[in-house]
Amino acid sequence: MRVSVLSLPWSSVVVVALGACGGRAASGTVDPAGSCATDCTEPEAGAGSASSALGGAGGSGGSEPARSAGAGGEPIAADGGEAGAVGEYETGGASPVSEGGMGNVSDAGGACTNSSSRFASEVLSHSFGGGQNFNQVAGFPKAVFGPPKAGNPDAVVSLGNGGWVVLGFSGDAIIDGPGIDFTVFENPLPAFKELATVAVSDDARHWIEFPCRAPQDAKDFGYCAGVSVVLSSPSNGVDPLDPAASGGDHYDLADVGVTRARYVRITDRADLEGMAGVFDLDAVAIVHAECP
């Protein structure tokens, strides 16, 4: 949802934001023991070949993401977005796009450098879906890098219906600490949610999903992203790394049995259509980082 903030009743927004369960399941944590592995077929390798990701939107009834071709290839559906569902992702021969331009992802895995980032700073691959396409040309990928920008309707990129994006942090990683480990920022209104499934990986091949099955008008959205309003912006001094103040949807790696993740994949819910069904990505922030 993109809207001018001048007309919003922000006192109401803050109350709703602080009360929303956001990315956390209201009923408690997910039991990783209930997870299941998905058999995967190895994609054909080739320099510069299109990437592919396994692990669907996790929508109601297990519907799969739209298979629309785009830069970065197409998603291949997993079985319903269960927590712990394992999928594979092949980067082909393409280099990711980062804040500094094109470059290869470091395989050092934990070697903190000056470029390590607490916010999403590189796009490994993506595939935009149909429908709403705001900022996909003029703003992508820059608009999804760096901290969230609450109240700025131009600081987001619409993934499109069933679209997805894989984000990295310039060599930094999310680690499992006490409580919330990372936050995904969209720009929903209190009564209007635009939902997506969030998955994490340490190698950009094998993915673990936080399940997102709730319909757009649900009372409990479980682990769906696109639920809680964004409260942090560089212009207002609200710390984007403080889950108690930042707004957005919060995730604990322990809820899906993961201890470390270098990449985050966000997949728009393909089963939700129209304006209500397109996720507008603002930012992703690491709360517990391997490179503080």
Protein backbone atom coordinates (compact mmCIF):
# COMPACT_ATOMS: atom_id res chain seq x y z
CA MET A 1 0.00 0.00 0.00
CA ARG A 2 1.43 3.37 -1.04
CA VAL A 3 -0.32 6.42 0.39
CA SER A 4 0.51 9.94 1.45
CA VAL A 5 1.01 10.08 5.20
CA LEU A 6 -0.47 13.54 5.53
CA SER A 7 -3.95 12.14 5.90
CA LEU A 8 -3.14 9.26 8.28
CA PRO A 9 -4.31 9.31 11.92
CA TRP A 10 -0.87 8.46 13.26
CA SER A 11 -1.96 8.12 16.88
CA SER A 12 -4.17 5.22 15.79
CA VAL A 13 -1.44 3.80 13.58
CA VAL A 14 1.06 3.64 16.45
CA VAL A 15 -1.40 1.87 18.75
CA VAL A 16 -2.23 -0.73 16.13
CA ALA A 17 1.41 -1.20 15.16
CA LEU A 18 2.51 -1.90 18.72
CA GLY A 19 -0.35 -4.30 19.23
CA ALA A 20 0.01 -6.29 16.01
CA CYS A 21 1.66 -9.70 16.12
CA GLY A 22 3.43 -8.91 12.82
CA GLY A 23 5.88 -11.61 11.80
CA ARG A 24 5.49 -13.56 15.05
CA ALA A 25 2.86 -16.27 15.42
CA ALA A 26 0.37 -15.30 18.10
CA SER A 27 0.02 -18.94 19.14
CA GLY A 28 3.73 -19.42 19.82
CA THR A 29 6.76 -20.78 17.99
CA VAL A 30 6.83 -23.22 15.11
CA ASP A 31 8.09 -26.70 15.87
CA PRO A 32 11.02 -27.35 13.52
CA ALA A 33 10.47 -31.07 14.05
CA GLY A 34 7.37 -30.78 11.94
CA SER A 35 9.34 -29.58 8.96
CA CYS A 36 9.73 -31.60 5.81
CA ALA A 37 12.30 -31.56 3.05
CA THR A 38 11.24 -31.03 -0.54
CA ASP A 39 12.89 -33.18 -3.16
CA CYS A 40 14.59 -30.86 -5.60
CA THR A 41 15.77 -31.27 -9.14
CA GLU A 42 19.12 -29.65 -9.76
CA PRO A 43 18.71 -26.80 -12.28
CA GLU A 44 20.84 -26.89 -15.36
CA ALA A 45 23.99 -24.89 -14.82
CA GLY A 46 25.35 -22.37 -17.25
CA ALA A 47 27.10 -19.06 -17.20
CA GLY A 48 24.56 -16.31 -17.14
CA SER A 49 21.65 -18.74 -17.02
CA ALA A 50 18.41 -17.66 -15.38
CA SER A 51 18.20 -18.36 -11.67
CA SER A 52 15.47 -20.43 -10.08
CA ALA A 53 14.15 -20.59 -6.53
CA LEU A 54 12.23 -23.35 -4.81
CA GLY A 55 9.83 -22.47 -2.02
CA GLY A 56 6.47 -20.98 -2.89
CA ALA A 57 4.34 -18.21 -1.58
CA GLY A 58 2.95 -20.39 1.16
CA GLY A 59 -0.51 -19.04 0.51
CA SER A 60 -3.85 -20.29 1.65
CA GLY A 61 -4.31 -23.83 0.44
CA GLY A 62 -0.66 -24.07 -0.57
CA SER A 63 -1.04 -22.16 -3.80
CA GLU A 64 2.17 -21.50 -5.70
CA PRO A 65 3.71 -18.23 -6.85
CA ALA A 66 2.91 -16.91 -10.29
CA ARG A 67 5.46 -18.32 -12.74
CA SER A 68 6.14 -15.10 -14.56
CA ALA A 69 9.52 -14.86 -16.22
CA GLY A 70 11.73 -11.95 -15.32
CA ALA A 71 15.26 -10.93 -14.50
CA GLY A 72 16.49 -13.65 -12.21
CA GLY A 73 14.25 -16.43 -13.49
CA GLU A 74 11.08 -17.93 -12.09
CA PRO A 75 10.04 -19.39 -8.75
CA ILE A 76 9.15 -23.06 -8.47
CA ALA A 77 6.44 -23.87 -5.95
CA ALA A 78 7.14 -25.68 -2.72
CA ASP A 79 4.51 -27.58 -0.80
CA GLY A 80 2.47 -24.94 0.97
CA GLY A 81 5.06 -22.85 2.78
CA GLU A 82 5.45 -25.05 5.86
CA ALA A 83 8.03 -23.89 8.38
CA GLY A 84 11.24 -25.70 7.72
CA ALA A 85 10.39 -26.53 4.12
CA VAL A 86 13.67 -26.87 2.28
CA GLY A 87 14.17 -25.64 -1.25
CA GLU A 88 17.06 -25.01 -3.59
CA TYR A 89 18.22 -21.93 -5.38
CA GLU A 90 20.79 -21.78 -8.18
CA THR A 91 22.49 -18.48 -8.90
CA GLY A 92 23.41 -19.49 -12.43
CA GLY A 93 26.24 -17.29 -13.65
CA ALA A 94 24.74 -13.92 -12.84
CA SER A 95 26.33 -11.56 -10.34
CA PRO A 96 24.16 -9.84 -7.75
CA VAL A 97 23.31 -6.17 -7.89
CA SER A 98 24.59 -4.28 -4.86
CA GLU A 99 24.78 -0.71 -3.60
CA GLY A 100 28.14 -0.46 -5.29
CA GLY A 101 26.91 -1.88 -8.59
CA MET A 102 27.58 -5.38 -9.90
CA GLY A 103 29.74 -7.70 -7.88
CA ASN A 104 30.14 -11.26 -6.61
CA VAL A 105 28.85 -12.44 -3.27
CA SER A 106 31.74 -13.28 -0.98
CA ASP A 107 32.03 -16.94 -0.01
CA ALA A 108 33.92 -16.02 3.13
CA GLY A 109 30.73 -16.40 5.16
CA GLY A 110 31.32 -14.42 8.32
CA ALA A 111 34.41 -12.44 7.34
CA CYS A 112 33.31 -8.97 8.40
CA THR A 113 34.45 -6.24 6.06
CA ASN A 114 33.94 -2.52 5.72
CA SER A 115 31.09 -3.23 3.31
CA SER A 116 29.19 -5.54 5.69
CA SER A 117 25.69 -4.20 6.16
CA ARG A 118 22.94 -4.38 8.77
CA PHE A 119 20.42 -3.62 6.00
CA ALA A 120 19.73 -5.34 2.69
CA SER A 121 22.44 -4.12 0.33
CA GLU A 122 22.45 -6.53 -2.60
CA VAL A 123 19.91 -8.33 -4.79
CA LEU A 124 21.02 -11.83 -5.79
CA SER A 125 18.02 -12.43 -8.00
CA HIS A 126 14.38 -11.50 -8.45
CA SER A 127 11.30 -12.04 -10.57
CA PHE A 128 8.55 -9.43 -10.56
CA GLY A 129 4.97 -10.61 -10.87
CA GLY A 130 2.05 -9.05 -12.69
CA GLY A 131 -0.30 -6.30 -11.59
CA GLN A 132 1.04 -3.39 -9.58
CA ASN A 133 4.58 -2.51 -10.74
CA PHE A 134 5.44 0.63 -8.79
CA ASN A 135 9.13 1.63 -8.81
CA GLN A 136 10.28 -1.58 -10.49
CA VAL A 137 12.23 0.38 -13.09
CA ALA A 138 13.04 3.77 -11.57
CA GLY A 139 13.57 2.65 -7.97
CA PHE A 140 14.84 -0.92 -8.05
CA PRO A 141 17.03 -2.04 -6.43
CA LYS A 142 18.14 1.14 -4.66
CA ALA A 143 14.78 1.72 -2.96
CA VAL A 144 15.00 -1.57 -1.02
CA PHE A 145 18.56 -0.95 0.21
CA GLY A 146 19.38 0.76 3.50
CA PRO A 147 17.07 1.57 6.42
CA PRO A 148 13.28 1.85 6.24
CA LYS A 149 11.69 5.18 5.42
CA ALA A 150 8.38 5.47 7.24
CA GLY A 151 5.89 7.79 5.60
CA ASN A 152 7.69 7.88 2.25
CA PRO A 153 5.45 6.22 -0.36
CA ASP A 154 8.24 6.42 -2.96
CA ALA A 155 10.70 4.39 -0.86
CA VAL A 156 9.20 1.01 -1.77
CA VAL A 157 9.21 -1.39 -4.73
CA SER A 158 6.15 -3.48 -5.64
CA LEU A 159 7.06 -7.14 -6.15
CA GLY A 160 4.00 -7.77 -8.28
CA ASN A 161 1.55 -10.63 -7.79
CA GLY A 162 3.63 -13.72 -7.01
CA GLY A 163 6.91 -11.82 -7.46
CA TRP A 164 9.96 -12.50 -5.32
CA VAL A 165 13.38 -11.11 -4.46
CA VAL A 166 16.50 -12.58 -2.79
CA LEU A 167 18.47 -10.12 -0.66
CA GLY A 168 21.96 -10.18 0.86
CA PHE A 169 23.85 -8.00 3.33
CA SER A 170 27.34 -7.53 1.82
CA GLY A 171 28.81 -10.49 3.65
CA ASP A 172 26.99 -9.91 6.94
CA ALA A 173 24.66 -12.56 8.36
CA ILE A 174 21.67 -12.84 10.67
CA ILE A 175 22.43 -14.90 13.76
CA ASP A 176 20.04 -16.32 16.32
CA GLY A 177 20.12 -14.14 19.41
CA PRO A 178 17.64 -13.46 22.21
CA GLY A 179 14.23 -12.70 20.70
CA ILE A 180 13.84 -10.93 17.36
CA ASP A 181 16.70 -11.44 14.87
CA PHE A 182 15.58 -9.44 11.81
CA THR A 183 12.77 -7.20 10.58
CA VAL A 184 11.03 -6.90 7.21
CA PHE A 185 9.48 -3.52 6.40
CA GLU A 186 6.53 -3.00 4.05
CA ASN A 187 4.13 -0.04 4.36
CA PRO A 188 0.70 -1.44 5.25
CA LEU A 189 -2.16 0.47 6.81
CA PRO A 190 -3.71 -0.83 10.04
CA ALA A 191 -6.75 -2.17 8.20
CA PHE A 192 -5.06 -3.08 4.90
CA LYS A 193 -2.37 -5.76 4.66
CA GLU A 194 -0.25 -6.77 1.65
CA LEU A 195 1.18 -10.16 2.46
CA ALA A 196 4.34 -12.03 1.57
CA THR A 197 6.19 -15.15 2.69
CA VAL A 198 9.66 -14.75 4.21
CA ALA A 199 12.37 -17.41 3.87
CA VAL A 200 16.00 -17.53 5.02
CA SER A 201 19.11 -19.32 3.80
CA ASP A 202 22.78 -19.50 4.66
CA ASP A 203 23.91 -20.56 1.17
CA ALA A 204 21.25 -19.12 -1.19
CA ARG A 205 20.31 -22.68 -2.18
CA HIS A 206 18.50 -24.32 0.70
CA TRP A 207 15.64 -22.28 2.11
CA ILE A 208 13.61 -22.38 5.31
CA GLU A 209 10.25 -20.59 5.22
CA PHE A 210 8.33 -18.81 7.92
CA PRO A 211 4.81 -19.98 6.99
CA CYS A 212 2.32 -17.44 5.67
CA ARG A 213 -1.13 -18.93 5.08
CA ALA A 214 -3.45 -16.21 6.39
CA PRO A 215 -5.99 -14.59 4.05
CA GLN A 216 -5.81 -10.84 3.51
CA ASP A 217 -8.64 -10.19 6.00
CA ALA A 218 -7.40 -12.55 8.73
CA LYS A 219 -7.29 -11.73 12.43
CA ASP A 220 -4.01 -13.56 12.98
CA PHE A 221 -1.40 -13.30 10.22
CA GLY A 222 1.14 -15.63 11.78
CA TYR A 223 4.53 -15.13 10.12
CA CYS A 224 3.33 -13.15 7.10
CA ALA A 225 5.21 -9.97 6.24
CA GLY A 226 3.31 -6.84 5.25
CA VAL A 227 1.26 -6.68 8.44
CA SER A 228 2.63 -4.01 10.79
CA VAL A 229 3.15 -0.37 9.86
CA VAL A 230 6.65 1.12 9.58
CA LEU A 231 7.58 3.64 12.28
CA SER A 232 11.31 4.18 11.66
CA SER A 233 12.86 6.61 9.22
CA PRO A 234 16.24 8.36 8.97
CA SER A 235 14.31 11.60 9.38
CA ASN A 236 12.60 10.81 12.70
CA GLY A 237 15.36 9.22 14.76
CA VAL A 238 13.44 6.00 15.51
CA ASP A 239 15.97 3.16 15.64
CA PRO A 240 15.29 0.65 12.80
CA LEU A 241 17.27 -1.98 14.72
CA ASP A 242 15.05 -1.76 17.82
CA PRO A 243 12.04 -4.06 17.30
CA ALA A 244 10.19 -2.39 20.17
CA ALA A 245 10.18 0.92 18.31
CA SER A 246 10.85 0.33 14.60
CA GLY A 247 7.56 -1.12 13.43
CA GLY A 248 7.60 -3.68 10.61
CA ASP A 249 7.30 -7.44 10.90
CA HIS A 250 9.72 -9.25 13.18
CA TYR A 251 11.32 -12.69 12.88
CA ASP A 252 13.19 -15.00 15.25
CA LEU A 253 15.40 -17.60 13.55
CA ALA A 254 14.82 -19.98 16.45
CA ASP A 255 11.15 -20.24 15.47
CA VAL A 256 12.14 -22.28 12.40
CA GLY A 257 15.20 -23.98 13.89
CA VAL A 258 17.84 -21.84 12.16
CA THR A 259 20.98 -20.45 13.83
CA ARG A 260 22.45 -18.36 10.99
CA ALA A 261 21.25 -16.93 7.66
CA ARG A 262 23.05 -14.80 5.10
CA TYR A 263 20.11 -14.28 2.73
CA VAL A 264 16.43 -13.40 2.94
CA ARG A 265 13.89 -14.22 0.26
CA ILE A 266 10.53 -12.43 0.14
CA THR A 267 7.74 -13.87 -2.03
CA ASP A 268 4.49 -12.05 -2.69
CA ARG A 269 1.41 -14.16 -2.00
CA ALA A 270 0.28 -15.28 -5.45
CA ASP A 271 -3.17 -16.29 -4.22
CA LEU A 272 -4.00 -12.72 -3.15
CA GLU A 273 -4.87 -10.66 -6.20
CA GLY A 274 -5.43 -7.02 -7.07
CA MET A 275 -4.20 -4.06 -5.02
CA ALA A 276 -4.60 -6.07 -1.82
CA GLY A 277 -2.29 -8.74 -3.11
CA VAL A 278 0.90 -6.88 -4.02
CA PHE A 279 3.69 -6.56 -1.46
CA ASP A 280 5.60 -3.25 -1.48
CA LEU A 281 9.09 -3.85 -0.07
CA ASP A 282 10.76 -1.04 1.86
CA ALA A 283 13.72 -2.61 3.70
CA VAL A 284 15.12 -5.57 5.63
CA ALA A 285 17.18 -4.99 8.80
CA ILE A 286 19.37 -7.34 10.83
CA VAL A 287 18.76 -7.01 14.57
CA HIS A 288 21.26 -9.68 15.66
CA ALA A 289 24.14 -9.47 13.21
CA GLU A 290 27.27 -11.55 12.82
CA CYS A 291 29.07 -8.31 11.87
CA PRO A 292 27.76 -5.79 14.46
